[in-house]
């Protein structure tokens, strides 16, 4: 009986944790005319940018990069791209569950 209660409690806890953490993704299209060297995606209001999701890859103009975001409680993210000239394109409070991004020169910081 004790084992069944413990198993039920663990299942309920696991379900509660899974219900709060979700997986998201955002497709980002580079239409700047420049190659993007760095792409940072962090939860909204994070104190610092998370690691560069491109790693050693780059994102040439005209290409799209899918960024998978796993285990987050909210679909709201801040996104920053840095191109070959060190120009930045920053998007604050992007709801990735509702939209993807097309980055153009008009988005230059």
Protein backbone atom coordinates (compact mmCIF):
# COMPACT_ATOMS: atom_id res chain seq x y z
CA UNK A 1 0.00 0.00 0.00
CA UNK A 2 2.80 2.41 0.90
CA UNK A 3 4.58 1.62 -2.37
CA UNK A 4 1.42 2.38 -4.38
CA UNK A 5 0.97 5.74 -2.64
CA UNK A 6 4.61 6.62 -3.20
CA UNK A 7 4.37 5.64 -6.87
CA UNK A 8 1.21 7.69 -7.31
CA UNK A 9 2.80 10.71 -5.59
CA UNK A 10 5.88 10.48 -7.82
CA UNK A 11 3.71 10.23 -10.94
CA UNK A 12 1.72 13.29 -9.91
CA UNK A 13 4.89 15.26 -9.22
CA UNK A 14 6.37 14.27 -12.56
CA UNK A 15 3.17 15.29 -14.35
CA UNK A 16 3.13 18.65 -12.53
CA UNK A 17 6.72 19.39 -13.55
CA UNK A 18 6.06 18.37 -17.15
CA UNK A 19 2.93 20.52 -17.27
CA UNK A 20 4.96 23.62 -16.41
CA UNK A 21 7.96 23.06 -18.68
CA UNK A 22 7.26 23.03 -22.39
CA UNK A 23 9.19 22.86 -25.63
CA UNK A 24 9.03 25.64 -28.20
CA UNK A 25 10.79 26.54 -31.41
CA UNK A 26 11.24 29.61 -33.57
CA UNK A 27 12.26 29.82 -37.23
CA UNK A 28 14.52 32.80 -37.89
CA UNK A 29 15.11 33.92 -41.47
CA UNK A 30 18.09 36.13 -42.30
CA UNK A 31 17.13 38.70 -44.94
CA UNK A 32 19.77 41.29 -43.93
CA UNK A 33 22.13 40.81 -46.87
CA UNK A 34 24.86 39.91 -44.36
CA UNK A 35 25.99 36.67 -42.75
CA UNK A 36 24.89 36.21 -39.15
CA UNK A 37 27.72 34.94 -36.94
CA UNK A 38 25.97 34.82 -33.55
CA UNK A 39 22.41 34.04 -32.54
CA UNK A 40 21.35 34.31 -28.91
CA UNK A 41 17.95 33.33 -27.51
CA UNK A 42 17.21 33.86 -23.81
CA UNK A 43 14.07 33.81 -21.71
CA UNK A 44 12.49 37.26 -21.48
CA UNK A 45 14.12 39.44 -18.80
CA UNK A 46 17.11 37.09 -18.34
CA UNK A 47 20.09 38.87 -16.80
CA UNK A 48 22.41 37.70 -19.59
CA UNK A 49 22.30 36.12 -23.03
CA UNK A 50 22.44 32.33 -23.16
CA UNK A 51 25.02 30.59 -25.34
CA UNK A 52 25.25 31.20 -29.08
CA UNK A 53 22.86 28.69 -30.67
CA UNK A 54 24.77 28.74 -33.97
CA UNK A 55 27.92 27.42 -32.31
CA UNK A 56 30.58 27.20 -35.02
CA UNK A 57 27.98 27.56 -37.82
CA UNK A 58 26.98 30.79 -39.53
CA UNK A 59 23.70 31.88 -41.07
CA UNK A 60 24.11 33.28 -44.60
CA UNK A 61 21.60 35.80 -45.89
CA UNK A 62 18.53 34.10 -47.34
CA UNK A 63 18.67 31.12 -45.01
CA UNK A 64 16.40 30.05 -42.16
CA UNK A 65 17.52 28.58 -38.85
CA UNK A 66 15.15 26.66 -36.56
CA UNK A 67 15.95 27.14 -32.87
CA UNK A 68 14.53 24.50 -30.54
CA UNK A 69 13.80 25.75 -27.03
CA UNK A 70 13.25 22.91 -24.60
CA UNK A 71 12.01 22.90 -21.03
CA UNK A 72 10.88 26.52 -20.66
CA UNK A 73 7.85 27.71 -18.70
CA UNK A 74 7.06 30.62 -21.02
CA UNK A 75 7.10 31.09 -24.80
CA UNK A 76 8.39 34.67 -24.44
CA UNK A 77 12.05 35.13 -25.41
CA UNK A 78 14.54 37.89 -26.21
CA UNK A 79 16.54 37.25 -29.40
CA UNK A 80 19.77 38.88 -30.57
CA UNK A 81 21.64 38.32 -33.82
CA UNK A 82 25.09 39.71 -34.65
CA UNK A 83 26.25 39.94 -38.25
CA UNK A 84 29.65 39.88 -39.93
CA UNK A 85 30.11 43.64 -39.32
CA UNK A 86 29.24 43.29 -35.60
CA UNK A 87 25.87 44.97 -36.21
CA UNK A 88 23.16 43.76 -33.83
CA UNK A 89 19.49 42.98 -34.34
CA UNK A 90 17.62 42.62 -31.06
CA UNK A 91 14.03 41.53 -30.57
CA UNK A 92 12.54 41.85 -27.08
CA UNK A 93 9.58 39.85 -25.79
CA UNK A 94 9.02 37.59 -28.80
CA UNK A 95 6.20 35.10 -28.27
CA UNK A 96 7.65 32.17 -30.22
CA UNK A 97 4.38 30.25 -29.91
CA UNK A 98 2.74 32.86 -32.15
CA UNK A 99 5.39 34.04 -34.60
CA UNK A 100 8.65 33.37 -36.36
CA UNK A 101 11.17 36.08 -37.24
CA UNK A 102 12.32 37.50 -40.56
CA UNK A 103 15.30 39.74 -39.85
CA UNK A 104 15.96 42.64 -42.24
CA UNK A 105 18.17 45.73 -42.19
CA UNK A 106 15.18 47.67 -40.84
CA UNK A 107 15.64 45.68 -37.58
CA UNK A 108 19.19 46.93 -37.08
CA UNK A 109 19.75 48.25 -33.53
